[in-house]
Protein backbone atom coordinates (compact mmCIF):
# COMPACT_ATOMS: atom_id res chain seq x y z
CA UNK A 1 0.00 0.00 0.00
CA UNK A 2 2.02 2.91 -1.26
CA UNK A 3 0.38 6.28 -1.11
CA UNK A 4 1.54 9.69 -2.18
CA UNK A 5 0.40 12.45 0.06
CA UNK A 6 -0.17 15.82 -1.55
CA UNK A 7 2.79 18.10 -0.99
CA UNK A 8 5.14 15.28 0.08
CA UNK A 9 7.46 13.36 -2.18
CA UNK A 10 7.74 10.54 0.36
CA UNK A 11 5.97 7.25 -0.12
CA UNK A 12 4.50 5.68 3.01
CA UNK A 13 5.00 1.95 3.42
CA UNK A 14 2.48 -0.38 5.00
CA UNK A 15 4.54 -0.62 8.21
CA UNK A 16 4.59 3.18 8.53
CA UNK A 17 0.81 3.38 8.24
CA UNK A 18 0.33 0.53 10.72
CA UNK A 19 2.74 2.15 13.18
CA UNK A 20 0.86 5.46 13.04
CA UNK A 21 -2.49 3.66 13.37
CA UNK A 22 -1.21 1.80 16.46
CA UNK A 23 0.10 5.03 18.00
CA UNK A 24 -3.22 6.82 17.47
CA UNK A 25 -5.19 3.90 18.94
CA UNK A 26 -2.85 3.73 21.96
CA UNK A 27 -1.37 0.34 21.09
CA UNK A 28 2.26 1.40 21.40
CA UNK A 29 3.64 -2.10 22.01
CA UNK A 30 1.95 -3.81 19.05
CA UNK A 31 4.01 -4.89 16.07
CA UNK A 32 3.54 -3.37 12.66
CA UNK A 33 4.12 -6.50 10.63
CA UNK A 34 4.41 -10.24 10.80
CA UNK A 35 7.68 -12.01 11.24
CA UNK A 36 8.52 -15.45 9.96
CA UNK A 37 10.69 -17.72 12.05
CA UNK A 38 10.48 -19.77 15.20
CA UNK A 39 10.08 -18.91 18.84
CA UNK A 40 12.29 -20.44 21.49
CA UNK A 41 10.62 -21.70 24.61
CA UNK A 42 11.39 -19.29 27.47
CA UNK A 43 11.50 -20.79 30.95
CA UNK A 44 11.77 -18.88 34.20
CA UNK A 45 14.15 -20.41 36.71
CA UNK A 46 14.22 -19.75 40.43
CA UNK A 47 16.92 -19.76 43.11
CA UNK A 48 18.62 -23.17 43.31
CA UNK A 49 17.23 -24.60 40.05
CA UNK A 50 19.68 -26.65 37.96
CA UNK A 51 19.15 -27.05 34.20
CA UNK A 52 21.07 -27.87 31.03
CA UNK A 53 21.25 -25.71 27.90
CA UNK A 54 23.28 -27.17 25.09
CA UNK A 55 26.30 -28.77 26.74
CA UNK A 56 26.40 -26.50 29.82
CA UNK A 57 24.77 -26.99 33.20
CA UNK A 58 23.42 -23.81 34.84
CA UNK A 59 22.15 -22.83 38.28
CA UNK A 60 21.06 -19.66 40.07
CA UNK A 61 22.89 -18.74 43.28
CA UNK A 62 22.23 -15.47 45.13
CA UNK A 63 20.20 -14.21 42.16
CA UNK A 64 23.08 -14.72 39.69
CA UNK A 65 23.00 -17.22 36.83
CA UNK A 66 26.15 -19.37 37.01
CA UNK A 67 27.57 -22.34 35.15
CA UNK A 68 28.41 -25.54 36.97
CA UNK A 69 31.73 -26.94 35.78
CA UNK A 70 33.11 -30.43 36.18
CA UNK A 71 35.82 -29.14 38.51
CA UNK A 72 33.55 -27.39 41.08
CA UNK A 73 33.71 -30.32 43.51
CA UNK A 74 37.51 -30.42 43.30
CA UNK A 75 37.75 -26.64 43.82
CA UNK A 76 35.62 -26.93 46.94
CA UNK A 77 37.96 -29.57 48.38
CA UNK A 78 41.19 -27.70 47.57
CA UNK A 79 40.01 -24.23 48.66
CA UNK A 80 41.07 -23.30 52.20
CA UNK A 81 38.72 -20.86 53.98
CA UNK A 82 39.97 -17.73 55.74
CA UNK A 83 38.74 -18.85 59.17
CA UNK A 84 38.77 -22.26 60.81
CA UNK A 85 35.37 -24.02 60.61
CA UNK A 86 35.73 -25.37 64.18
CA UNK A 87 37.19 -22.56 66.31
CA UNK A 88 36.69 -19.52 64.05
CA UNK A 89 40.33 -18.30 64.27
CA UNK A 90 42.08 -16.89 61.20
CA UNK A 91 44.14 -19.58 59.45
CA UNK A 92 47.31 -17.77 58.34
CA UNK A 93 50.03 -19.67 60.17
CA UNK A 94 52.55 -21.88 58.41
CA UNK A 95 51.14 -25.21 59.62
CA UNK A 96 47.46 -24.34 59.08
CA UNK A 97 47.36 -25.18 55.36
CA UNK A 98 48.81 -28.72 55.57
CA UNK A 99 46.70 -29.45 58.63
CA UNK A 100 43.54 -28.17 56.92
CA UNK A 101 44.18 -30.41 53.88
CA UNK A 102 44.27 -33.46 56.18
CA UNK A 103 41.88 -32.68 59.08
CA UNK A 104 39.73 -29.78 57.72
CA UNK A 105 40.59 -27.56 60.70
CA UNK A 106 43.45 -25.28 61.81
CA UNK A 107 46.62 -26.54 63.50
CA UNK A 108 45.83 -25.08 66.93
PDB file of N, CA and C in Angstrom:
ATOM      1  N   UNK A   1       0.849  -1.169   0.000  1.00  0.00           N
ATOM      2  CA  UNK A   1       0.000   0.000   0.000  1.00  0.00           C
ATOM      3  C   UNK A   1       0.893   1.230   0.000  1.00  0.00           C
ATOM      4  N   UNK A   2       1.186   1.717  -1.151  1.00  0.00           N
ATOM      5  CA  UNK A   2       2.015   2.912  -1.258  1.00  0.00           C
ATOM      6  C   UNK A   2       1.107   4.073  -1.635  1.00  0.00           C
ATOM      7  N   UNK A   3       1.216   5.113  -0.862  1.00  0.00           N
ATOM      8  CA  UNK A   3       0.376   6.277  -1.109  1.00  0.00           C
ATOM      9  C   UNK A   3       1.257   7.500  -1.240  1.00  0.00           C
ATOM     10  N   UNK A   4       0.864   8.399  -2.102  1.00  0.00           N
ATOM     11  CA  UNK A   4       1.544   9.686  -2.182  1.00  0.00           C
ATOM     12  C   UNK A   4       0.620  10.715  -1.549  1.00  0.00           C
ATOM     13  N   UNK A   5       1.162  11.419  -0.602  1.00  0.00           N
ATOM     14  CA  UNK A   5       0.398  12.452   0.061  1.00  0.00           C
ATOM     15  C   UNK A   5       0.711  13.759  -0.650  1.00  0.00           C
ATOM     16  N   UNK A   6      -0.336  14.578  -0.814  1.00  0.00           N
ATOM     17  CA  UNK A   6      -0.173  15.824  -1.551  1.00  0.00           C
ATOM     18  C   UNK A   6       0.840  16.730  -0.841  1.00  0.00           C
ATOM     19  N   UNK A   7       1.792  17.214  -1.544  1.00  0.00           N
ATOM     20  CA  UNK A   7       2.789  18.104  -0.985  1.00  0.00           C
ATOM     21  C   UNK A   7       4.036  17.372  -0.501  1.00  0.00           C
ATOM     22  N   UNK A   8       3.978  16.053  -0.361  1.00  0.00           N
ATOM     23  CA  UNK A   8       5.137  15.279   0.079  1.00  0.00           C
ATOM     24  C   UNK A   8       5.606  14.384  -1.056  1.00  0.00           C
ATOM     25  N   UNK A   9       6.905  14.249  -1.170  1.00  0.00           N
ATOM     26  CA  UNK A   9       7.458  13.360  -2.184  1.00  0.00           C
ATOM     27  C   UNK A   9       7.802  12.003  -1.591  1.00  0.00           C
ATOM     28  N   UNK A  10       7.412  11.793  -0.316  1.00  0.00           N
ATOM     29  CA  UNK A  10       7.744  10.543   0.358  1.00  0.00           C
ATOM     30  C   UNK A  10       6.604   9.552   0.176  1.00  0.00           C
ATOM     31  N   UNK A  11       6.964   8.306  -0.048  1.00  0.00           N
ATOM     32  CA  UNK A  11       5.968   7.245  -0.124  1.00  0.00           C
ATOM     33  C   UNK A  11       5.902   6.555   1.223  1.00  0.00           C
ATOM     34  N   UNK A  12       4.689   6.344   1.726  1.00  0.00           N
ATOM     35  CA  UNK A  12       4.496   5.676   3.008  1.00  0.00           C
ATOM     36  C   UNK A  12       4.342   4.180   2.768  1.00  0.00           C
ATOM     37  N   UNK A  13       5.098   3.406   3.518  1.00  0.00           N
ATOM     38  CA  UNK A  13       5.001   1.951   3.421  1.00  0.00           C
ATOM     39  C   UNK A  13       3.906   1.458   4.352  1.00  0.00           C
ATOM     40  N   UNK A  14       3.541   0.214   4.180  1.00  0.00           N
ATOM     41  CA  UNK A  14       2.481  -0.384   5.002  1.00  0.00           C
ATOM     42  C   UNK A  14       2.850  -0.362   6.494  1.00  0.00           C
ATOM     43  N   UNK A  15       4.118  -0.614   6.810  1.00  0.00           N
ATOM     44  CA  UNK A  15       4.538  -0.622   8.212  1.00  0.00           C
ATOM     45  C   UNK A  15       4.439   0.769   8.824  1.00  0.00           C
ATOM     46  N   UNK A  16       4.718   1.811   8.025  1.00  0.00           N
ATOM     47  CA  UNK A  16       4.593   3.180   8.529  1.00  0.00           C
ATOM     48  C   UNK A  16       3.148   3.503   8.878  1.00  0.00           C
ATOM     49  N   UNK A  17       2.237   3.122   7.999  1.00  0.00           N
ATOM     50  CA  UNK A  17       0.813   3.384   8.238  1.00  0.00           C
ATOM     51  C   UNK A  17       0.333   2.601   9.455  1.00  0.00           C
ATOM     52  N   UNK A  18       0.741   1.341   9.565  1.00  0.00           N
ATOM     53  CA  UNK A  18       0.335   0.531  10.718  1.00  0.00           C
ATOM     54  C   UNK A  18       0.905   1.088  12.019  1.00  0.00           C
ATOM     55  N   UNK A  19       2.134   1.580  11.980  1.00  0.00           N
ATOM     56  CA  UNK A  19       2.744   2.149  13.184  1.00  0.00           C
ATOM     57  C   UNK A  19       1.970   3.388  13.637  1.00  0.00           C
ATOM     58  N   UNK A  20       1.638   4.263  12.701  1.00  0.00           N
ATOM     59  CA  UNK A  20       0.865   5.460  13.040  1.00  0.00           C
ATOM     60  C   UNK A  20      -0.523   5.087  13.558  1.00  0.00           C
ATOM     61  N   UNK A  21      -1.157   4.099  12.924  1.00  0.00           N
ATOM     62  CA  UNK A  21      -2.486   3.656  13.368  1.00  0.00           C
ATOM     63  C   UNK A  21      -2.416   3.121  14.801  1.00  0.00           C
ATOM     64  N   UNK A  22      -1.368   2.336  15.107  1.00  0.00           N
ATOM     65  CA  UNK A  22      -1.208   1.800  16.460  1.00  0.00           C
ATOM     66  C   UNK A  22      -0.955   2.916  17.468  1.00  0.00           C
ATOM     67  N   UNK A  23      -0.160   3.917  17.088  1.00  0.00           N
ATOM     68  CA  UNK A  23       0.103   5.030  17.998  1.00  0.00           C
ATOM     69  C   UNK A  23      -1.169   5.824  18.299  1.00  0.00           C
ATOM     70  N   UNK A  24      -1.980   6.054  17.282  1.00  0.00           N
ATOM     71  CA  UNK A  24      -3.221   6.819  17.475  1.00  0.00           C
ATOM     72  C   UNK A  24      -4.205   6.034  18.338  1.00  0.00           C
ATOM     73  N   UNK A  25      -4.266   4.724  18.158  1.00  0.00           N
ATOM     74  CA  UNK A  25      -5.189   3.897  18.937  1.00  0.00           C
ATOM     75  C   UNK A  25      -4.657   3.587  20.331  1.00  0.00           C
ATOM     76  N   UNK A  26      -3.411   3.963  20.634  1.00  0.00           N
ATOM     77  CA  UNK A  26      -2.846   3.728  21.962  1.00  0.00           C
ATOM     78  C   UNK A  26      -2.208   2.369  22.125  1.00  0.00           C
ATOM     79  N   UNK A  27      -1.999   1.661  21.040  1.00  0.00           N
ATOM     80  CA  UNK A  27      -1.371   0.335  21.088  1.00  0.00           C
ATOM     81  C   UNK A  27       0.111   0.492  20.759  1.00  0.00           C
ATOM     82  N   UNK A  28       0.864   1.077  21.692  1.00  0.00           N
ATOM     83  CA  UNK A  28       2.261   1.402  21.396  1.00  0.00           C
ATOM     84  C   UNK A  28       3.149   0.167  21.324  1.00  0.00           C
ATOM     85  N   UNK A  29       2.795  -0.916  21.994  1.00  0.00           N
ATOM     86  CA  UNK A  29       3.638  -2.099  22.009  1.00  0.00           C
ATOM     87  C   UNK A  29       3.369  -3.079  20.887  1.00  0.00           C
ATOM     88  N   UNK A  30       2.298  -2.869  20.111  1.00  0.00           N
ATOM     89  CA  UNK A  30       1.946  -3.811  19.048  1.00  0.00           C
ATOM     90  C   UNK A  30       2.934  -3.737  17.892  1.00  0.00           C
ATOM     91  N   UNK A  31       3.094  -4.859  17.205  1.00  0.00           N
ATOM     92  CA  UNK A  31       4.011  -4.886  16.071  1.00  0.00           C
ATOM     93  C   UNK A  31       3.306  -4.375  14.828  1.00  0.00           C
ATOM     94  N   UNK A  32       4.104  -3.940  13.877  1.00  0.00           N
ATOM     95  CA  UNK A  32       3.545  -3.368  12.656  1.00  0.00           C
ATOM     96  C   UNK A  32       3.517  -4.365  11.510  1.00  0.00           C
ATOM     97  N   UNK A  33       4.100  -5.510  11.697  1.00  0.00           N
ATOM     98  CA  UNK A  33       4.117  -6.502  10.634  1.00  0.00           C
ATOM     99  C   UNK A  33       4.279  -7.887  11.206  1.00  0.00           C
ATOM    100  N   UNK A  34       4.229  -8.858  10.346  1.00  0.00           N
ATOM    101  CA  UNK A  34       4.406 -10.236  10.797  1.00  0.00           C
ATOM    102  C   UNK A  34       5.840 -10.658  10.528  1.00  0.00           C
ATOM    103  N   UNK A  35       6.309 -11.535  11.360  1.00  0.00           N
ATOM    104  CA  UNK A  35       7.680 -12.006  11.238  1.00  0.00           C
ATOM    105  C   UNK A  35       7.649 -13.521  11.089  1.00  0.00           C
ATOM    106  N   UNK A  36       8.471 -14.020  10.207  1.00  0.00           N
ATOM    107  CA  UNK A  36       8.518 -15.448   9.964  1.00  0.00           C
ATOM    108  C   UNK A  36       9.749 -16.007  10.652  1.00  0.00           C
ATOM    109  N   UNK A  37       9.581 -17.105  11.363  1.00  0.00           N
ATOM    110  CA  UNK A  37      10.695 -17.721  12.052  1.00  0.00           C
ATOM    111  C   UNK A  37      10.171 -18.682  13.100  1.00  0.00           C
ATOM    112  N   UNK A  38      10.923 -18.891  14.131  1.00  0.00           N
ATOM    113  CA  UNK A  38      10.484 -19.771  15.199  1.00  0.00           C
ATOM    114  C   UNK A  38      10.717 -19.073  16.523  1.00  0.00           C
ATOM    115  N   UNK A  39       9.939 -19.467  17.502  1.00  0.00           N
ATOM    116  CA  UNK A  39      10.078 -18.906  18.840  1.00  0.00           C
ATOM    117  C   UNK A  39      10.711 -19.945  19.748  1.00  0.00           C
ATOM    118  N   UNK A  40      11.705 -19.535  20.522  1.00  0.00           N
ATOM    119  CA  UNK A  40      12.292 -20.443  21.486  1.00  0.00           C
ATOM    120  C   UNK A  40      11.442 -20.442  22.746  1.00  0.00           C
ATOM    121  N   UNK A  41      11.418 -21.573  23.397  1.00  0.00           N
ATOM    122  CA  UNK A  41      10.624 -21.697  24.609  1.00  0.00           C
ATOM    123  C   UNK A  41      11.376 -21.033  25.759  1.00  0.00           C
ATOM    124  N   UNK A  42      10.779 -20.003  26.354  1.00  0.00           N
ATOM    125  CA  UNK A  42      11.391 -19.294  27.473  1.00  0.00           C
ATOM    126  C   UNK A  42      10.918 -19.926  28.775  1.00  0.00           C
ATOM    127  N   UNK A  43      11.851 -20.240  29.650  1.00  0.00           N
ATOM    128  CA  UNK A  43      11.502 -20.794  30.951  1.00  0.00           C
ATOM    129  C   UNK A  43      12.084 -19.896  32.030  1.00  0.00           C
ATOM    130  N   UNK A  44      11.290 -19.672  33.070  1.00  0.00           N
ATOM    131  CA  UNK A  44      11.766 -18.879  34.200  1.00  0.00           C
ATOM    132  C   UNK A  44      12.295 -19.824  35.259  1.00  0.00           C
ATOM    133  N   UNK A  45      13.517 -19.576  35.695  1.00  0.00           N
ATOM    134  CA  UNK A  45      14.148 -20.411  36.705  1.00  0.00           C
ATOM    135  C   UNK A  45      14.241 -19.639  38.011  1.00  0.00           C
ATOM    136  N   UNK A  46      14.180 -20.357  39.103  1.00  0.00           N
ATOM    137  CA  UNK A  46      14.217 -19.748  40.431  1.00  0.00           C
ATOM    138  C   UNK A  46      15.514 -20.110  41.132  1.00  0.00           C
ATOM    139  N   UNK A  47      15.719 -19.531  42.298  1.00  0.00           N
ATOM    140  CA  UNK A  47      16.922 -19.755  43.106  1.00  0.00           C
ATOM    141  C   UNK A  47      17.114 -21.248  43.376  1.00  0.00           C
ATOM    142  N   UNK A  48      18.285 -21.772  43.037  1.00  0.00           N
ATOM    143  CA  UNK A  48      18.618 -23.166  43.313  1.00  0.00           C
ATOM    144  C   UNK A  48      18.265 -24.142  42.205  1.00  0.00           C
ATOM    145  N   UNK A  49      17.562 -23.705  41.165  1.00  0.00           N
ATOM    146  CA  UNK A  49      17.235 -24.600  40.055  1.00  0.00           C
ATOM    147  C   UNK A  49      18.500 -24.964  39.288  1.00  0.00           C
ATOM    148  N   UNK A  50      18.556 -26.186  38.777  1.00  0.00           N
ATOM    149  CA  UNK A  50      19.677 -26.648  37.957  1.00  0.00           C
ATOM    150  C   UNK A  50      19.095 -27.134  36.636  1.00  0.00           C
ATOM    151  N   UNK A  51      19.638 -26.641  35.506  1.00  0.00           N
ATOM    152  CA  UNK A  51      19.146 -27.045  34.203  1.00  0.00           C
ATOM    153  C   UNK A  51      20.300 -27.102  33.218  1.00  0.00           C
ATOM    154  N   UNK A  52      20.044 -27.719  32.058  1.00  0.00           N
ATOM    155  CA  UNK A  52      21.073 -27.874  31.034  1.00  0.00           C
ATOM    156  C   UNK A  52      20.613 -27.183  29.758  1.00  0.00           C
ATOM    157  N   UNK A  53      21.482 -26.342  29.208  1.00  0.00           N
ATOM    158  CA  UNK A  53      21.247 -25.711  27.902  1.00  0.00           C
ATOM    159  C   UNK A  53      22.433 -26.050  27.025  1.00  0.00           C
ATOM    160  N   UNK A  54      22.173 -26.742  25.953  1.00  0.00           N
ATOM    161  CA  UNK A  54      23.278 -27.168  25.094  1.00  0.00           C
ATOM    162  C   UNK A  54      24.135 -28.181  25.826  1.00  0.00           C
ATOM    163  N   UNK A  55      25.409 -27.860  26.025  1.00  0.00           N
ATOM    164  CA  UNK A  55      26.303 -28.766  26.737  1.00  0.00           C
ATOM    165  C   UNK A  55      26.694 -28.226  28.105  1.00  0.00           C
ATOM    166  N   UNK A  56      26.052 -27.111  28.541  1.00  0.00           N
ATOM    167  CA  UNK A  56      26.398 -26.496  29.821  1.00  0.00           C
ATOM    168  C   UNK A  56      25.295 -26.718  30.847  1.00  0.00           C
ATOM    169  N   UNK A  57      25.702 -26.875  32.089  1.00  0.00           N
ATOM    170  CA  UNK A  57      24.772 -26.991  33.201  1.00  0.00           C
ATOM    171  C   UNK A  57      24.771 -25.655  33.939  1.00  0.00           C
ATOM    172  N   UNK A  58      23.573 -25.123  34.225  1.00  0.00           N
ATOM    173  CA  UNK A  58      23.416 -23.810  34.838  1.00  0.00           C
ATOM    174  C   UNK A  58      22.683 -23.927  36.163  1.00  0.00           C
ATOM    175  N   UNK A  59      22.892 -22.947  37.032  1.00  0.00           N
ATOM    176  CA  UNK A  59      22.149 -22.828  38.283  1.00  0.00           C
ATOM    177  C   UNK A  59      22.036 -21.346  38.629  1.00  0.00           C
ATOM    178  N   UNK A  60      21.181 -21.025  39.586  1.00  0.00           N
ATOM    179  CA  UNK A  60      21.059 -19.657  40.073  1.00  0.00           C
ATOM    180  C   UNK A  60      21.414 -19.655  41.545  1.00  0.00           C
ATOM    181  N   UNK A  61      22.467 -18.894  41.885  1.00  0.00           N
ATOM    182  CA  UNK A  61      22.894 -18.745  43.275  1.00  0.00           C
ATOM    183  C   UNK A  61      22.930 -17.265  43.603  1.00  0.00           C
ATOM    184  N   UNK A  62      22.284 -16.871  44.673  1.00  0.00           N
ATOM    185  CA  UNK A  62      22.230 -15.472  45.127  1.00  0.00           C
ATOM    186  C   UNK A  62      21.726 -14.545  44.017  1.00  0.00           C
ATOM    187  N   UNK A  63      20.792 -15.029  43.212  1.00  0.00           N
ATOM    188  CA  UNK A  63      20.203 -14.213  42.155  1.00  0.00           C
ATOM    189  C   UNK A  63      21.061 -14.085  40.912  1.00  0.00           C
ATOM    190  N   UNK A  64      22.168 -14.815  40.827  1.00  0.00           N
ATOM    191  CA  UNK A  64      23.077 -14.724  39.686  1.00  0.00           C
ATOM    192  C   UNK A  64      23.104 -16.070  38.962  1.00  0.00           C
ATOM    193  N   UNK A  65      22.947 -16.017  37.645  1.00  0.00           N
ATOM    194  CA  UNK A  65      22.996 -17.224  36.826  1.00  0.00           C
ATOM    195  C   UNK A  65      24.449 -17.640  36.660  1.00  0.00           C
ATOM    196  N   UNK A  66      24.776 -18.884  37.047  1.00  0.00           N
ATOM    197  CA  UNK A  66      26.152 -19.370  37.005  1.00  0.00           C
ATOM    198  C   UNK A  66      26.217 -20.737  36.335  1.00  0.00           C
ATOM    199  N   UNK A  67      27.363 -21.012  35.720  1.00  0.00           N
ATOM    200  CA  UNK A  67      27.568 -22.339  35.146  1.00  0.00           C
ATOM    201  C   UNK A  67      28.158 -23.256  36.208  1.00  0.00           C
ATOM    202  N   UNK A  68      27.841 -24.531  36.079  1.00  0.00           N
ATOM    203  CA  UNK A  68      28.407 -25.537  36.969  1.00  0.00           C
ATOM    204  C   UNK A  68      29.432 -26.312  36.147  1.00  0.00           C
ATOM    205  N   UNK A  69      30.690 -26.243  36.542  1.00  0.00           N
ATOM    206  CA  UNK A  69      31.725 -26.942  35.784  1.00  0.00           C
ATOM    207  C   UNK A  69      32.001 -28.303  36.411  1.00  0.00           C
ATOM    208  N   UNK A  70      32.759 -29.104  35.698  1.00  0.00           N
ATOM    209  CA  UNK A  70      33.109 -30.431  36.179  1.00  0.00           C
ATOM    210  C   UNK A  70      34.064 -30.358  37.370  1.00  0.00           C
ATOM    211  N   UNK A  71      34.795 -29.256  37.491  1.00  0.00           N
ATOM    212  CA  UNK A  71      35.821 -29.138  38.512  1.00  0.00           C
ATOM    213  C   UNK A  71      35.342 -28.427  39.781  1.00  0.00           C
ATOM    214  N   UNK A  72      34.050 -28.097  39.896  1.00  0.00           N
ATOM    215  CA  UNK A  72      33.552 -27.386  41.077  1.00  0.00           C
ATOM    216  C   UNK A  72      33.746 -28.184  42.362  1.00  0.00           C
ATOM    217  N   UNK A  73      33.538 -29.487  42.311  1.00  0.00           N
ATOM    218  CA  UNK A  73      33.707 -30.319  43.514  1.00  0.00           C
ATOM    219  C   UNK A  73      35.166 -30.340  43.943  1.00  0.00           C
ATOM    220  N   UNK A  74      36.084 -30.405  42.989  1.00  0.00           N
ATOM    221  CA  UNK A  74      37.511 -30.419  43.301  1.00  0.00           C
ATOM    222  C   UNK A  74      37.937 -29.074  43.875  1.00  0.00           C
ATOM    223  N   UNK A  75      37.429 -27.966  43.307  1.00  0.00           N
ATOM    224  CA  UNK A  75      37.749 -26.640  43.819  1.00  0.00           C
ATOM    225  C   UNK A  75      37.312 -26.493  45.264  1.00  0.00           C
ATOM    226  N   UNK A  76      36.137 -27.029  45.582  1.00  0.00           N
ATOM    227  CA  UNK A  76      35.621 -26.928  46.943  1.00  0.00           C
ATOM    228  C   UNK A  76      36.518 -27.682  47.930  1.00  0.00           C
ATOM    229  N   UNK A  77      37.071 -28.800  47.514  1.00  0.00           N
ATOM    230  CA  UNK A  77      37.958 -29.575  48.378  1.00  0.00           C
ATOM    231  C   UNK A  77      39.310 -28.882  48.579  1.00  0.00           C
ATOM    232  N   UNK A  78      39.855 -28.289  47.528  1.00  0.00           N
ATOM    233  CA  UNK A  78      41.189 -27.696  47.572  1.00  0.00           C
ATOM    234  C   UNK A  78      41.172 -26.329  48.257  1.00  0.00           C
ATOM    235  N   UNK A  79      40.088 -25.577  48.116  1.00  0.00           N
ATOM    236  CA  UNK A  79      40.012 -24.230  48.655  1.00  0.00           C
ATOM    237  C   UNK A  79      40.069 -24.238  50.180  1.00  0.00           C
ATOM    238  N   UNK A  80      40.955 -23.418  50.753  1.00  0.00           N
ATOM    239  CA  UNK A  80      41.071 -23.303  52.198  1.00  0.00           C
ATOM    240  C   UNK A  80      40.387 -22.007  52.640  1.00  0.00           C
ATOM    241  N   UNK A  81      39.413 -22.083  53.560  1.00  0.00           N
ATOM    242  CA  UNK A  81      38.723 -20.864  53.985  1.00  0.00           C
ATOM    243  C   UNK A  81      39.632 -19.953  54.803  1.00  0.00           C
ATOM    244  N   UNK A  82      39.201 -18.707  54.981  1.00  0.00           N
ATOM    245  CA  UNK A  82      39.974 -17.732  55.740  1.00  0.00           C
ATOM    246  C   UNK A  82      39.989 -18.069  57.224  1.00  0.00           C
ATOM    247  N   UNK A  83      38.852 -18.526  57.746  1.00  0.00           N
ATOM    248  CA  UNK A  83      38.742 -18.849  59.170  1.00  0.00           C
ATOM    249  C   UNK A  83      38.501 -20.341  59.358  1.00  0.00           C
ATOM    250  N   UNK A  84      38.936 -20.850  60.485  1.00  0.00           N
ATOM    251  CA  UNK A  84      38.766 -22.264  60.811  1.00  0.00           C
ATOM    252  C   UNK A  84      37.283 -22.570  61.024  1.00  0.00           C
ATOM    253  N   UNK A  85      36.772 -23.673  60.431  1.00  0.00           N
ATOM    254  CA  UNK A  85      35.367 -24.024  60.607  1.00  0.00           C
ATOM    255  C   UNK A  85      35.030 -24.436  62.045  1.00  0.00           C
ATOM    256  N   UNK A  86      36.002 -24.928  62.808  1.00  0.00           N
ATOM    257  CA  UNK A  86      35.730 -25.372  64.179  1.00  0.00           C
ATOM    258  C   UNK A  86      35.829 -24.256  65.201  1.00  0.00           C
ATOM    259  N   UNK A  87      36.980 -23.560  65.246  1.00  0.00           N
ATOM    260  CA  UNK A  87      37.188 -22.564  66.309  1.00  0.00           C
ATOM    261  C   UNK A  87      36.936 -21.130  65.854  1.00  0.00           C
ATOM    262  N   UNK A  88      36.958 -20.854  64.551  1.00  0.00           N
ATOM    263  CA  UNK A  88      36.692 -19.519  64.048  1.00  0.00           C
ATOM    264  C   UNK A  88      37.916 -18.621  63.980  1.00  0.00           C
ATOM    265  N   UNK A  89      39.096 -19.099  64.343  1.00  0.00           N
ATOM    266  CA  UNK A  89      40.325 -18.300  64.266  1.00  0.00           C
ATOM    267  C   UNK A  89      40.797 -18.178  62.814  1.00  0.00           C
ATOM    268  N   UNK A  90      41.536 -17.106  62.537  1.00  0.00           N
ATOM    269  CA  UNK A  90      42.081 -16.890  61.197  1.00  0.00           C
ATOM    270  C   UNK A  90      43.192 -17.903  60.942  1.00  0.00           C
ATOM    271  N   UNK A  91      43.146 -18.561  59.791  1.00  0.00           N
ATOM    272  CA  UNK A  91      44.143 -19.576  59.447  1.00  0.00           C
ATOM    273  C   UNK A  91      45.196 -18.953  58.541  1.00  0.00           C
ATOM    274  N   UNK A  92      46.237 -18.353  59.139  1.00  0.00           N
ATOM    275  CA  UNK A  92      47.306 -17.772  58.336  1.00  0.00           C
ATOM    276  C   UNK A  92      48.688 -18.215  58.795  1.00  0.00           C
ATOM    277  N   UNK A  93      48.739 -19.162  59.693  1.00  0.00           N
ATOM    278  CA  UNK A  93      50.027 -19.669  60.169  1.00  0.00           C
ATOM    279  C   UNK A  93      50.587 -20.688  59.179  1.00  0.00           C
ATOM    280  N   UNK A  94      51.854 -21.010  59.352  1.00  0.00           N
ATOM    281  CA  UNK A  94      52.554 -21.876  58.415  1.00  0.00           C
ATOM    282  C   UNK A  94      51.991 -23.293  58.403  1.00  0.00           C
ATOM    283  N   UNK A  95      51.595 -23.823  59.541  1.00  0.00           N
ATOM    284  CA  UNK A  95      51.139 -25.208  59.616  1.00  0.00           C
ATOM    285  C   UNK A  95      49.631 -25.365  59.405  1.00  0.00           C
ATOM    286  N   UNK A  96      48.908 -24.255  59.246  1.00  0.00           N
ATOM    287  CA  UNK A  96      47.457 -24.343  59.083  1.00  0.00           C
ATOM    288  C   UNK A  96      47.058 -24.988  57.756  1.00  0.00           C
ATOM    289  N   UNK A  97      47.738 -24.645  56.684  1.00  0.00           N
ATOM    290  CA  UNK A  97      47.356 -25.180  55.365  1.00  0.00           C
ATOM    291  C   UNK A  97      47.538 -26.692  55.273  1.00  0.00           C
ATOM    292  N   UNK A  98      48.686 -27.252  55.642  1.00  0.00           N
ATOM    293  CA  UNK A  98      48.807 -28.715  55.572  1.00  0.00           C
ATOM    294  C   UNK A  98      47.847 -29.425  56.522  1.00  0.00           C
ATOM    295  N   UNK A  99      47.607 -28.832  57.684  1.00  0.00           N
ATOM    296  CA  UNK A  99      46.701 -29.450  58.635  1.00  0.00           C
ATOM    297  C   UNK A  99      45.249 -29.391  58.134  1.00  0.00           C
ATOM    298  N   UNK A 100      44.895 -28.292  57.459  1.00  0.00           N
ATOM    299  CA  UNK A 100      43.541 -28.174  56.917  1.00  0.00           C
ATOM    300  C   UNK A 100      43.314 -29.201  55.797  1.00  0.00           C
ATOM    301  N   UNK A 101      44.319 -29.428  54.982  1.00  0.00           N
ATOM    302  CA  UNK A 101      44.177 -30.410  53.885  1.00  0.00           C
ATOM    303  C   UNK A 101      43.907 -31.807  54.428  1.00  0.00           C
ATOM    304  N   UNK A 102      44.439 -32.120  55.617  1.00  0.00           N
ATOM    305  CA  UNK A 102      44.265 -33.460  56.184  1.00  0.00           C
ATOM    306  C   UNK A 102      43.016 -33.526  57.075  1.00  0.00           C
ATOM    307  N   UNK A 103      42.907 -32.590  58.027  1.00  0.00           N
ATOM    308  CA  UNK A 103      41.875 -32.685  59.078  1.00  0.00           C
ATOM    309  C   UNK A 103      40.705 -31.708  58.918  1.00  0.00           C
ATOM    310  N   UNK A 104      40.766 -30.796  57.951  1.00  0.00           N
ATOM    311  CA  UNK A 104      39.733 -29.782  57.715  1.00  0.00           C
ATOM    312  C   UNK A 104      39.519 -28.877  58.919  1.00  0.00           C
ATOM    313  N   UNK A 105      40.615 -28.537  59.601  1.00  0.00           N
ATOM    314  CA  UNK A 105      40.594 -27.565  60.697  1.00  0.00           C
ATOM    315  C   UNK A 105      42.000 -26.986  60.840  1.00  0.00           C
ATOM    316  N   UNK A 106      42.142 -25.920  61.643  1.00  0.00           N
ATOM    317  CA  UNK A 106      43.452 -25.276  61.811  1.00  0.00           C
ATOM    318  C   UNK A 106      44.367 -26.135  62.700  1.00  0.00           C
ATOM    319  N   UNK A 107      45.648 -25.762  62.745  1.00  0.00           N
ATOM    320  CA  UNK A 107      46.622 -26.542  63.504  1.00  0.00           C
ATOM    321  C   UNK A 107      46.375 -26.439  65.003  1.00  0.00           C
ATOM    322  N   UNK A 108      46.008 -25.250  65.486  1.00  0.00           N
ATOM    323  CA  UNK A 108      45.826 -25.078  66.933  1.00  0.00           C
ATOM    324  C   UNK A 108      44.444 -25.575  67.331  1.00  0.00           C
TER     325      UNK A 108
END
